[in-house]
């Protein structure tokens, strides 16, 4: 295996190890501290930037390996068409060489493809875990608020509503009393006659 495919293989093993660490169950506080460090560290940010550039090169290697697989497959079909559809006319060492090239090109294609695919999975898993941590933190804060001051805040709100209703009732009672007194004065002055009751 050439040097760059060896590096791709080590990157794949590293990605697999990181993925196992991401999904390993840890206590909430440990996981939160680890992900806060990863999110805020400038060294990790530079490393992530470098990895993005590396994955561009791996994508180029993947495209090259797909092209090689296609060429080797076409070469095998050309051998078959030369001797009238039979591959027995191909010499043994030539056939073994072509089969070996096919194997190596397929191996390189799968290696680069799985490395790229796992990088996408790692990125999404990391994002999901950050979202889960954020939601767990919000849930914890809401529970703490509901446990300590949530009940008192609710009672305070109810008290304010009761005070507003009492003030409204007092205002309506005062208006009613004023209108009742005015009606009696106008009635005594003879300006208003009492309605006749019908039987």
N, C-alpha and C. Protein backbone atom coordinates (compact mmCIF):
# COMPACT_ATOMS: atom_id res chain seq x y z
N UNK A 1 0.86 -1.17 0.00
CA UNK A 1 0.00 0.00 0.00
C UNK A 1 0.91 1.22 0.00
N UNK A 2 0.58 2.19 -0.84
CA UNK A 2 1.39 3.41 -0.91
C UNK A 2 1.21 4.23 0.35
N UNK A 3 2.07 5.24 0.50
CA UNK A 3 2.10 6.03 1.73
C UNK A 3 0.77 6.75 1.96
N UNK A 4 0.20 7.35 0.91
CA UNK A 4 -1.02 8.12 1.13
C UNK A 4 -2.21 7.23 1.45
N UNK A 5 -2.25 6.01 0.90
CA UNK A 5 -3.34 5.10 1.27
C UNK A 5 -3.12 4.54 2.69
N UNK A 6 -1.85 4.42 3.10
CA UNK A 6 -1.58 4.03 4.49
C UNK A 6 -2.06 5.11 5.45
N UNK A 7 -1.83 6.38 5.08
CA UNK A 7 -2.32 7.48 5.90
C UNK A 7 -3.84 7.51 5.94
N UNK A 8 -4.49 7.22 4.81
CA UNK A 8 -5.95 7.16 4.77
C UNK A 8 -6.45 6.04 5.69
N UNK A 9 -5.74 4.91 5.69
CA UNK A 9 -6.12 3.80 6.56
C UNK A 9 -6.01 4.21 8.04
N UNK A 10 -4.90 4.87 8.41
CA UNK A 10 -4.76 5.32 9.79
C UNK A 10 -5.81 6.36 10.16
N UNK A 11 -6.18 7.19 9.20
CA UNK A 11 -7.25 8.16 9.45
C UNK A 11 -8.59 7.44 9.67
N UNK A 12 -8.83 6.38 8.90
CA UNK A 12 -10.06 5.59 9.08
C UNK A 12 -10.09 4.95 10.47
N UNK A 13 -8.96 4.40 10.91
CA UNK A 13 -8.89 3.79 12.24
C UNK A 13 -9.10 4.86 13.32
N UNK A 14 -8.53 6.05 13.11
CA UNK A 14 -8.72 7.14 14.06
C UNK A 14 -10.19 7.57 14.13
N UNK A 15 -10.83 7.67 12.96
CA UNK A 15 -12.25 8.02 12.93
C UNK A 15 -13.09 6.98 13.66
N UNK A 16 -12.77 5.71 13.45
CA UNK A 16 -13.52 4.65 14.13
C UNK A 16 -13.34 4.77 15.65
N UNK A 17 -12.13 5.08 16.09
CA UNK A 17 -11.89 5.23 17.53
C UNK A 17 -12.64 6.43 18.09
N UNK A 18 -12.64 7.55 17.37
CA UNK A 18 -13.37 8.74 17.82
C UNK A 18 -14.86 8.45 17.88
N UNK A 19 -15.37 7.73 16.89
CA UNK A 19 -16.79 7.40 16.88
C UNK A 19 -17.15 6.54 18.09
N UNK A 20 -16.29 5.58 18.43
CA UNK A 20 -16.56 4.74 19.60
C UNK A 20 -16.53 5.58 20.88
N UNK A 21 -15.63 6.56 20.95
CA UNK A 21 -15.59 7.44 22.12
C UNK A 21 -16.83 8.32 22.19
N UNK A 22 -17.33 8.77 21.04
CA UNK A 22 -18.52 9.62 21.03
C UNK A 22 -19.76 8.88 21.53
N UNK A 23 -19.87 7.61 21.16
CA UNK A 23 -21.09 6.89 21.54
C UNK A 23 -20.93 6.16 22.88
N UNK A 24 -19.74 6.22 23.46
CA UNK A 24 -19.52 5.57 24.75
C UNK A 24 -20.30 6.31 25.82
N UNK A 25 -21.08 5.60 26.65
CA UNK A 25 -21.89 6.30 27.66
C UNK A 25 -21.02 6.88 28.77
N UNK A 26 -21.13 8.19 28.94
CA UNK A 26 -20.40 8.91 29.99
C UNK A 26 -21.39 9.69 30.83
N UNK A 27 -21.03 10.02 32.07
CA UNK A 27 -21.91 10.89 32.86
C UNK A 27 -22.09 12.25 32.19
N UNK A 28 -23.21 12.89 32.47
CA UNK A 28 -23.56 14.15 31.80
C UNK A 28 -22.50 15.23 32.00
N UNK A 29 -21.99 15.35 33.22
CA UNK A 29 -21.01 16.41 33.49
C UNK A 29 -19.70 16.18 32.74
N UNK A 30 -19.25 14.95 32.68
CA UNK A 30 -18.02 14.64 31.94
C UNK A 30 -18.21 14.94 30.46
N UNK A 31 -19.32 14.44 29.92
CA UNK A 31 -19.58 14.64 28.50
C UNK A 31 -19.68 16.14 28.18
N UNK A 32 -20.32 16.88 29.07
CA UNK A 32 -20.48 18.32 28.85
C UNK A 32 -19.12 19.01 28.84
N UNK A 33 -18.24 18.66 29.80
CA UNK A 33 -16.92 19.28 29.86
C UNK A 33 -16.09 18.94 28.62
N UNK A 34 -16.16 17.69 28.19
CA UNK A 34 -15.39 17.27 27.00
C UNK A 34 -15.86 18.04 25.77
N UNK A 35 -17.17 18.15 25.59
CA UNK A 35 -17.68 18.81 24.40
C UNK A 35 -17.52 20.33 24.47
N UNK A 36 -17.53 20.90 25.67
CA UNK A 36 -17.22 22.32 25.80
C UNK A 36 -15.78 22.58 25.41
N UNK A 37 -14.88 21.68 25.83
CA UNK A 37 -13.47 21.83 25.45
C UNK A 37 -13.30 21.72 23.94
N UNK A 38 -13.96 20.73 23.34
CA UNK A 38 -13.85 20.55 21.89
C UNK A 38 -14.42 21.75 21.15
N UNK A 39 -15.52 22.30 21.63
CA UNK A 39 -16.19 23.40 20.94
C UNK A 39 -15.43 24.72 21.07
N UNK A 40 -14.73 24.92 22.17
CA UNK A 40 -14.10 26.22 22.41
C UNK A 40 -12.59 26.24 22.19
N UNK A 41 -11.96 25.10 22.04
CA UNK A 41 -10.50 25.06 21.92
C UNK A 41 -10.05 25.54 20.54
N UNK A 42 -9.13 26.52 20.48
CA UNK A 42 -8.63 26.97 19.18
C UNK A 42 -7.76 25.91 18.49
N UNK A 43 -7.10 25.07 19.27
CA UNK A 43 -6.27 24.00 18.68
C UNK A 43 -7.17 23.00 17.95
N UNK A 44 -8.29 22.63 18.57
CA UNK A 44 -9.22 21.70 17.94
C UNK A 44 -9.83 22.33 16.70
N UNK A 45 -10.11 23.64 16.74
CA UNK A 45 -10.67 24.33 15.56
C UNK A 45 -9.68 24.28 14.39
N UNK A 46 -8.40 24.49 14.67
CA UNK A 46 -7.39 24.41 13.60
C UNK A 46 -7.27 22.98 13.09
N UNK A 47 -7.36 22.01 13.99
CA UNK A 47 -7.30 20.61 13.60
C UNK A 47 -8.48 20.24 12.71
N UNK A 48 -9.68 20.74 13.06
CA UNK A 48 -10.86 20.47 12.24
C UNK A 48 -10.72 21.11 10.85
N UNK A 49 -10.15 22.29 10.79
CA UNK A 49 -9.92 22.95 9.50
C UNK A 49 -8.95 22.13 8.64
N UNK A 50 -7.89 21.65 9.27
CA UNK A 50 -6.92 20.80 8.56
C UNK A 50 -7.56 19.50 8.07
N UNK A 51 -8.46 18.95 8.88
CA UNK A 51 -9.13 17.70 8.49
C UNK A 51 -10.04 17.92 7.29
N UNK A 52 -10.68 19.09 7.22
CA UNK A 52 -11.53 19.39 6.06
C UNK A 52 -10.70 19.39 4.77
N UNK A 53 -9.51 19.98 4.85
CA UNK A 53 -8.62 19.99 3.68
C UNK A 53 -8.18 18.56 3.35
N UNK A 54 -7.89 17.78 4.39
CA UNK A 54 -7.49 16.38 4.18
C UNK A 54 -8.60 15.60 3.49
N UNK A 55 -9.84 15.85 3.89
CA UNK A 55 -10.95 15.11 3.28
C UNK A 55 -11.16 15.51 1.82
N UNK A 56 -10.77 16.71 1.45
CA UNK A 56 -10.82 17.08 0.03
C UNK A 56 -9.83 16.22 -0.75
N UNK A 57 -8.63 16.03 -0.20
CA UNK A 57 -7.65 15.17 -0.87
C UNK A 57 -8.12 13.72 -0.91
N UNK A 58 -8.77 13.26 0.16
CA UNK A 58 -9.29 11.88 0.15
C UNK A 58 -10.39 11.73 -0.89
N UNK A 59 -11.20 12.78 -1.07
CA UNK A 59 -12.22 12.75 -2.12
C UNK A 59 -11.58 12.62 -3.50
N UNK A 60 -10.48 13.34 -3.70
CA UNK A 60 -9.76 13.22 -4.98
C UNK A 60 -9.22 11.80 -5.15
N UNK A 61 -8.67 11.22 -4.08
CA UNK A 61 -8.19 9.83 -4.14
C UNK A 61 -9.34 8.86 -4.43
N UNK A 62 -10.50 9.13 -3.84
CA UNK A 62 -11.66 8.27 -4.08
C UNK A 62 -12.08 8.32 -5.55
N UNK A 63 -12.13 9.52 -6.10
CA UNK A 63 -12.49 9.66 -7.52
C UNK A 63 -11.47 8.96 -8.40
N UNK A 64 -10.18 9.11 -8.07
CA UNK A 64 -9.13 8.44 -8.83
C UNK A 64 -9.26 6.92 -8.74
N UNK A 65 -9.56 6.40 -7.55
CA UNK A 65 -9.68 4.95 -7.40
C UNK A 65 -10.90 4.41 -8.13
N UNK A 66 -12.00 5.16 -8.16
CA UNK A 66 -13.17 4.74 -8.94
C UNK A 66 -12.81 4.70 -10.42
N UNK A 67 -12.06 5.69 -10.86
CA UNK A 67 -11.62 5.72 -12.26
C UNK A 67 -10.73 4.51 -12.57
N UNK A 68 -9.84 4.15 -11.64
CA UNK A 68 -8.97 2.99 -11.86
C UNK A 68 -9.77 1.68 -11.90
N UNK A 69 -10.75 1.56 -11.02
CA UNK A 69 -11.60 0.35 -11.04
C UNK A 69 -12.29 0.24 -12.39
N UNK A 70 -12.78 1.35 -12.89
CA UNK A 70 -13.46 1.34 -14.19
C UNK A 70 -12.49 0.94 -15.31
N UNK A 71 -11.27 1.49 -15.27
CA UNK A 71 -10.29 1.15 -16.32
C UNK A 71 -9.89 -0.32 -16.28
N UNK A 72 -9.68 -0.84 -15.06
CA UNK A 72 -9.30 -2.26 -14.94
C UNK A 72 -10.45 -3.15 -15.40
N UNK A 73 -11.66 -2.79 -15.07
CA UNK A 73 -12.82 -3.58 -15.51
C UNK A 73 -12.92 -3.57 -17.03
N UNK A 74 -12.67 -2.41 -17.62
CA UNK A 74 -12.70 -2.32 -19.08
C UNK A 74 -11.58 -3.14 -19.70
N UNK A 75 -10.42 -3.15 -19.05
CA UNK A 75 -9.29 -3.94 -19.54
C UNK A 75 -9.61 -5.43 -19.49
N UNK A 76 -10.29 -5.87 -18.43
CA UNK A 76 -10.68 -7.28 -18.32
C UNK A 76 -11.67 -7.63 -19.42
N UNK A 77 -12.60 -6.73 -19.69
CA UNK A 77 -13.57 -7.02 -20.76
C UNK A 77 -12.89 -7.00 -22.13
N UNK A 78 -11.84 -6.17 -22.28
CA UNK A 78 -11.08 -6.16 -23.54
C UNK A 78 -10.35 -7.48 -23.74
N UNK A 79 -9.78 -8.06 -22.66
CA UNK A 79 -9.13 -9.37 -22.77
C UNK A 79 -10.13 -10.42 -23.24
N UNK A 80 -11.34 -10.35 -22.71
CA UNK A 80 -12.36 -11.32 -23.08
C UNK A 80 -12.79 -11.17 -24.53
N UNK A 81 -12.83 -9.95 -25.02
CA UNK A 81 -13.28 -9.74 -26.40
C UNK A 81 -12.19 -10.07 -27.41
N UNK A 82 -10.93 -10.05 -27.00
CA UNK A 82 -9.84 -10.36 -27.93
C UNK A 82 -9.85 -11.82 -28.37
N UNK A 83 -10.17 -12.71 -27.44
CA UNK A 83 -10.13 -14.13 -27.81
C UNK A 83 -11.54 -14.70 -28.02
N UNK A 84 -12.45 -13.84 -28.47
CA UNK A 84 -13.78 -14.33 -28.84
C UNK A 84 -14.65 -14.63 -27.63
N UNK A 85 -14.51 -13.88 -26.56
CA UNK A 85 -15.36 -14.08 -25.39
C UNK A 85 -14.79 -15.07 -24.40
N UNK A 86 -13.66 -15.69 -24.71
CA UNK A 86 -13.06 -16.63 -23.77
C UNK A 86 -11.83 -15.98 -23.17
N UNK A 87 -11.65 -16.11 -21.90
CA UNK A 87 -10.48 -15.54 -21.25
C UNK A 87 -9.35 -16.54 -21.11
N UNK A 88 -9.51 -17.71 -21.71
CA UNK A 88 -8.42 -18.69 -21.61
C UNK A 88 -7.20 -18.27 -22.43
N UNK A 89 -7.42 -17.41 -23.43
CA UNK A 89 -6.31 -16.98 -24.27
C UNK A 89 -5.36 -16.05 -23.56
N UNK A 90 -5.78 -15.50 -22.47
CA UNK A 90 -4.93 -14.58 -21.72
C UNK A 90 -3.92 -15.41 -20.94
N UNK A 91 -2.70 -14.99 -20.99
CA UNK A 91 -1.66 -15.70 -20.28
C UNK A 91 -1.93 -15.63 -18.79
N UNK A 92 -1.47 -16.61 -18.04
CA UNK A 92 -1.74 -16.70 -16.60
C UNK A 92 -1.21 -15.52 -15.83
N UNK A 93 0.04 -15.12 -16.12
CA UNK A 93 0.61 -14.02 -15.36
C UNK A 93 -0.05 -12.68 -15.70
N UNK A 94 -0.49 -12.51 -16.96
CA UNK A 94 -1.19 -11.28 -17.34
C UNK A 94 -2.54 -11.19 -16.62
N UNK A 95 -3.22 -12.34 -16.59
CA UNK A 95 -4.53 -12.36 -15.93
C UNK A 95 -4.36 -12.09 -14.43
N UNK A 96 -3.33 -12.69 -13.81
CA UNK A 96 -3.11 -12.46 -12.39
C UNK A 96 -2.76 -11.01 -12.12
N UNK A 97 -2.00 -10.40 -13.02
CA UNK A 97 -1.65 -8.99 -12.85
C UNK A 97 -2.89 -8.10 -12.92
N UNK A 98 -3.76 -8.37 -13.86
CA UNK A 98 -4.98 -7.58 -14.01
C UNK A 98 -5.89 -7.78 -12.80
N UNK A 99 -6.00 -9.03 -12.33
CA UNK A 99 -6.84 -9.31 -11.17
C UNK A 99 -6.27 -8.62 -9.91
N UNK A 100 -4.94 -8.60 -9.81
CA UNK A 100 -4.32 -7.93 -8.66
C UNK A 100 -4.57 -6.43 -8.73
N UNK A 101 -4.44 -5.85 -9.91
CA UNK A 101 -4.73 -4.42 -10.06
C UNK A 101 -6.18 -4.12 -9.74
N UNK A 102 -7.06 -5.02 -10.16
CA UNK A 102 -8.49 -4.84 -9.85
C UNK A 102 -8.70 -4.88 -8.34
N UNK A 103 -8.08 -5.83 -7.67
CA UNK A 103 -8.21 -5.94 -6.22
C UNK A 103 -7.70 -4.69 -5.52
N UNK A 104 -6.51 -4.22 -5.90
CA UNK A 104 -5.93 -3.05 -5.25
C UNK A 104 -6.75 -1.79 -5.51
N UNK A 105 -7.23 -1.62 -6.72
CA UNK A 105 -8.03 -0.43 -7.02
C UNK A 105 -9.37 -0.47 -6.27
N UNK A 106 -9.97 -1.67 -6.16
CA UNK A 106 -11.22 -1.78 -5.39
C UNK A 106 -10.96 -1.54 -3.90
N UNK A 107 -9.84 -2.07 -3.40
CA UNK A 107 -9.50 -1.86 -2.00
C UNK A 107 -9.33 -0.37 -1.71
N UNK A 108 -8.63 0.33 -2.57
CA UNK A 108 -8.41 1.76 -2.39
C UNK A 108 -9.73 2.54 -2.47
N UNK A 109 -10.61 2.12 -3.38
CA UNK A 109 -11.90 2.78 -3.52
C UNK A 109 -12.72 2.61 -2.24
N UNK A 110 -12.77 1.39 -1.72
CA UNK A 110 -13.53 1.15 -0.49
C UNK A 110 -12.91 1.88 0.70
N UNK A 111 -11.60 1.89 0.77
CA UNK A 111 -10.90 2.55 1.86
C UNK A 111 -11.23 4.05 1.88
N UNK A 112 -11.10 4.70 0.73
CA UNK A 112 -11.40 6.14 0.66
C UNK A 112 -12.90 6.40 0.87
N UNK A 113 -13.74 5.55 0.28
CA UNK A 113 -15.19 5.73 0.42
C UNK A 113 -15.65 5.60 1.86
N UNK A 114 -15.16 4.58 2.55
CA UNK A 114 -15.56 4.40 3.95
C UNK A 114 -15.01 5.52 4.84
N UNK A 115 -13.82 6.01 4.52
CA UNK A 115 -13.25 7.12 5.30
C UNK A 115 -14.11 8.38 5.14
N UNK A 116 -14.51 8.68 3.91
CA UNK A 116 -15.37 9.85 3.67
C UNK A 116 -16.73 9.68 4.33
N UNK A 117 -17.29 8.48 4.19
CA UNK A 117 -18.61 8.22 4.76
C UNK A 117 -18.58 8.33 6.29
N UNK A 118 -17.54 7.79 6.90
CA UNK A 118 -17.44 7.86 8.35
C UNK A 118 -17.21 9.29 8.83
N UNK A 119 -16.55 10.11 8.02
CA UNK A 119 -16.37 11.52 8.41
C UNK A 119 -17.72 12.24 8.45
N UNK A 120 -18.60 11.93 7.50
CA UNK A 120 -19.95 12.52 7.53
C UNK A 120 -20.73 12.04 8.75
N UNK A 121 -20.62 10.76 9.05
CA UNK A 121 -21.32 10.21 10.22
C UNK A 121 -20.79 10.85 11.51
N UNK A 122 -19.47 11.02 11.61
CA UNK A 122 -18.88 11.66 12.79
C UNK A 122 -19.39 13.09 12.96
N UNK A 123 -19.45 13.81 11.85
CA UNK A 123 -19.91 15.20 11.91
C UNK A 123 -21.35 15.27 12.41
N UNK A 124 -22.23 14.43 11.87
CA UNK A 124 -23.64 14.44 12.29
C UNK A 124 -23.78 13.96 13.74
N UNK A 125 -23.02 12.95 14.14
CA UNK A 125 -23.09 12.46 15.51
C UNK A 125 -22.65 13.54 16.49
N UNK A 126 -21.58 14.23 16.16
CA UNK A 126 -21.08 15.32 17.00
C UNK A 126 -22.15 16.41 17.14
N UNK A 127 -22.80 16.78 16.04
CA UNK A 127 -23.85 17.80 16.07
C UNK A 127 -25.04 17.34 16.91
N UNK A 128 -25.43 16.07 16.75
CA UNK A 128 -26.55 15.54 17.53
C UNK A 128 -26.24 15.54 19.02
N UNK A 129 -25.03 15.15 19.37
CA UNK A 129 -24.66 15.10 20.79
C UNK A 129 -24.64 16.51 21.38
N UNK A 130 -24.15 17.50 20.62
CA UNK A 130 -24.19 18.88 21.10
C UNK A 130 -25.62 19.34 21.33
N UNK A 131 -26.53 19.00 20.41
CA UNK A 131 -27.94 19.36 20.58
C UNK A 131 -28.53 18.67 21.81
N UNK A 132 -28.20 17.42 22.00
CA UNK A 132 -28.72 16.68 23.17
C UNK A 132 -28.21 17.31 24.46
N UNK A 133 -26.93 17.67 24.50
CA UNK A 133 -26.38 18.30 25.69
C UNK A 133 -27.05 19.64 25.97
N UNK A 134 -27.29 20.41 24.92
CA UNK A 134 -27.96 21.71 25.10
C UNK A 134 -29.37 21.53 25.62
N UNK A 135 -30.10 20.55 25.07
CA UNK A 135 -31.47 20.30 25.52
C UNK A 135 -31.50 19.75 26.95
N UNK A 136 -30.55 18.90 27.30
CA UNK A 136 -30.48 18.39 28.67
C UNK A 136 -30.20 19.53 29.66
N UNK A 137 -29.33 20.47 29.26
CA UNK A 137 -29.04 21.61 30.12
C UNK A 137 -30.28 22.49 30.31
N UNK A 138 -31.02 22.73 29.23
CA UNK A 138 -32.26 23.51 29.34
C UNK A 138 -33.27 22.80 30.22
N UNK A 139 -33.38 21.48 30.05
CA UNK A 139 -34.30 20.70 30.87
C UNK A 139 -33.94 20.79 32.35
N UNK A 140 -32.65 20.72 32.62
CA UNK A 140 -32.17 20.81 34.01
C UNK A 140 -32.51 22.18 34.61
N UNK A 141 -32.30 23.23 33.82
CA UNK A 141 -32.59 24.58 34.30
C UNK A 141 -34.09 24.77 34.54
N UNK A 142 -34.91 24.25 33.63
CA UNK A 142 -36.36 24.37 33.81
C UNK A 142 -36.84 23.61 35.04
N UNK A 143 -36.29 22.44 35.26
CA UNK A 143 -36.67 21.68 36.46
C UNK A 143 -36.24 22.40 37.73
N UNK A 144 -35.05 22.99 37.70
CA UNK A 144 -34.58 23.72 38.87
C UNK A 144 -35.46 24.95 39.11
N UNK A 145 -35.85 25.62 38.05
CA UNK A 145 -36.73 26.78 38.17
C UNK A 145 -38.10 26.37 38.69
N UNK A 146 -38.62 25.27 38.17
CA UNK A 146 -39.94 24.79 38.61
C UNK A 146 -39.87 24.31 40.05
N UNK A 147 -38.78 23.72 40.44
CA UNK A 147 -38.65 23.20 41.81
C UNK A 147 -38.48 24.30 42.84
N UNK A 148 -37.71 25.34 42.52
CA UNK A 148 -37.42 26.39 43.49
C UNK A 148 -38.40 27.55 43.37
N UNK A 149 -38.29 28.27 42.30
CA UNK A 149 -39.08 29.49 42.19
C UNK A 149 -40.26 29.37 41.26
N UNK A 150 -40.43 28.25 40.64
CA UNK A 150 -41.52 28.09 39.68
C UNK A 150 -42.87 28.16 40.35
N UNK A 151 -43.03 27.51 41.51
CA UNK A 151 -44.30 27.52 42.23
C UNK A 151 -44.58 28.91 42.78
N UNK A 152 -43.56 29.55 43.33
CA UNK A 152 -43.77 30.89 43.89
C UNK A 152 -44.06 31.90 42.79
N UNK A 153 -43.44 31.73 41.62
CA UNK A 153 -43.73 32.63 40.50
C UNK A 153 -45.17 32.45 40.03
N UNK A 154 -45.63 31.21 40.03
CA UNK A 154 -47.01 30.95 39.64
C UNK A 154 -47.98 31.54 40.65
N UNK A 155 -47.67 31.38 41.94
CA UNK A 155 -48.52 31.96 42.97
C UNK A 155 -48.53 33.48 42.90
N UNK A 156 -47.38 34.08 42.63
CA UNK A 156 -47.28 35.53 42.51
C UNK A 156 -48.14 36.02 41.35
N UNK A 157 -48.11 35.31 40.26
CA UNK A 157 -48.92 35.67 39.10
C UNK A 157 -50.41 35.57 39.44
N UNK A 158 -50.80 34.53 40.14
CA UNK A 158 -52.21 34.36 40.54
C UNK A 158 -52.63 35.47 41.49
N UNK A 159 -51.75 35.84 42.44
CA UNK A 159 -52.05 36.93 43.35
C UNK A 159 -52.27 38.24 42.60
N UNK A 160 -51.44 38.50 41.60
CA UNK A 160 -51.59 39.72 40.81
C UNK A 160 -52.92 39.72 40.07
N UNK A 161 -53.32 38.55 39.53
CA UNK A 161 -54.60 38.46 38.84
C UNK A 161 -55.75 38.69 39.81
N UNK A 162 -55.66 38.14 41.02
CA UNK A 162 -56.71 38.33 42.04
C UNK A 162 -56.81 39.80 42.43
N UNK A 163 -55.67 40.48 42.61
CA UNK A 163 -55.68 41.90 42.96
C UNK A 163 -56.33 42.72 41.84
N UNK A 164 -56.03 42.38 40.60
CA UNK A 164 -56.62 43.11 39.47
C UNK A 164 -58.13 42.91 39.44
N UNK A 165 -58.59 41.68 39.69
CA UNK A 165 -60.03 41.40 39.70
C UNK A 165 -60.71 42.13 40.86
N UNK A 166 -60.07 42.19 42.04
CA UNK A 166 -60.63 42.91 43.19
C UNK A 166 -60.74 44.41 42.89
N UNK A 167 -59.70 44.97 42.27
CA UNK A 167 -59.74 46.39 41.92
C UNK A 167 -60.85 46.66 40.92
N UNK A 168 -61.03 45.78 39.99
CA UNK A 168 -62.10 45.93 39.01
C UNK A 168 -63.47 45.84 39.69
N UNK A 169 -63.61 44.90 40.62
CA UNK A 169 -64.88 44.74 41.34
C UNK A 169 -65.18 45.97 42.19
N UNK A 170 -64.16 46.52 42.85
CA UNK A 170 -64.36 47.73 43.66
C UNK A 170 -64.78 48.90 42.78
N UNK A 171 -64.16 49.03 41.62
CA UNK A 171 -64.53 50.10 40.69
C UNK A 171 -65.97 49.95 40.21
N UNK A 172 -66.38 48.74 39.89
CA UNK A 172 -67.75 48.50 39.45
C UNK A 172 -68.74 48.77 40.58
N UNK A 173 -68.40 48.38 41.80
CA UNK A 173 -69.27 48.62 42.96
C UNK A 173 -69.43 50.12 43.21
N UNK A 174 -68.34 50.86 43.11
CA UNK A 174 -68.38 52.31 43.33
C UNK A 174 -69.26 52.97 42.26
N UNK A 175 -69.10 52.57 41.01
CA UNK A 175 -69.92 53.11 39.92
C UNK A 175 -71.39 52.79 40.15
N UNK A 176 -71.67 51.57 40.59
CA UNK A 176 -73.06 51.18 40.83
C UNK A 176 -73.67 52.02 41.95
N UNK A 177 -72.91 52.22 43.02
CA UNK A 177 -73.41 53.03 44.13
C UNK A 177 -73.67 54.47 43.71
N UNK A 178 -72.76 55.04 42.93
CA UNK A 178 -72.94 56.41 42.44
C UNK A 178 -74.18 56.52 41.56
N UNK A 179 -74.34 55.56 40.65
CA UNK A 179 -75.51 55.60 39.77
C UNK A 179 -76.80 55.38 40.56
N UNK A 180 -76.76 54.55 41.59
CA UNK A 180 -77.93 54.29 42.43
C UNK A 180 -78.32 55.54 43.20
N UNK A 181 -77.33 56.26 43.78
CA UNK A 181 -77.60 57.49 44.51
C UNK A 181 -78.18 58.57 43.59
N UNK A 182 -77.63 58.68 42.42
CA UNK A 182 -78.10 59.67 41.44
C UNK A 182 -79.54 59.37 41.02
N UNK A 183 -79.81 58.11 40.83
CA UNK A 183 -81.17 57.70 40.43
C UNK A 183 -82.17 58.06 41.54
N UNK A 184 -81.81 57.85 42.80
CA UNK A 184 -82.69 58.17 43.90
C UNK A 184 -82.92 59.68 43.99
N UNK A 185 -81.89 60.48 43.80
CA UNK A 185 -82.04 61.94 43.84
C UNK A 185 -82.95 62.43 42.73
N UNK A 186 -82.75 61.89 41.53
CA UNK A 186 -83.60 62.31 40.41
C UNK A 186 -85.04 61.86 40.63
N UNK A 187 -85.22 60.76 41.25
CA UNK A 187 -86.56 60.25 41.51
C UNK A 187 -87.26 61.12 42.57
N UNK A 188 -86.54 61.56 43.58
CA UNK A 188 -87.11 62.42 44.62
C UNK A 188 -87.45 63.80 44.07
N UNK A 189 -86.64 64.23 43.12
CA UNK A 189 -86.89 65.53 42.51
C UNK A 189 -88.06 65.47 41.54
N UNK A 190 -88.53 64.32 41.23
CA UNK A 190 -89.67 64.14 40.36
C UNK A 190 -89.32 64.13 38.89
N UNK A 191 -88.10 64.07 38.59
CA UNK A 191 -87.69 64.05 37.18
C UNK A 191 -87.82 62.66 36.58
N UNK A 192 -87.84 61.66 37.42
CA UNK A 192 -87.98 60.29 36.92
C UNK A 192 -89.15 59.67 37.62
N UNK A 193 -90.05 59.08 36.85
CA UNK A 193 -91.19 58.40 37.44
C UNK A 193 -90.89 56.91 37.48
N UNK A 194 -91.43 56.29 38.52
CA UNK A 194 -91.22 54.86 38.65
C UNK A 194 -92.02 54.14 37.58
N UNK A 195 -91.44 53.12 36.98
CA UNK A 195 -92.20 52.38 35.98
C UNK A 195 -93.37 51.65 36.61
N UNK A 196 -94.48 51.61 35.86
CA UNK A 196 -95.66 50.93 36.36
C UNK A 196 -95.49 49.45 36.16
N UNK A 197 -95.89 48.72 37.19
CA UNK A 197 -95.79 47.27 37.12
C UNK A 197 -97.04 46.73 36.47
N UNK A 198 -96.88 45.90 35.47
CA UNK A 198 -98.03 45.29 34.81
C UNK A 198 -98.30 43.94 35.43
N UNK A 199 -99.62 43.64 35.60
CA UNK A 199 -100.03 42.37 36.16
C UNK A 199 -100.35 41.37 35.10
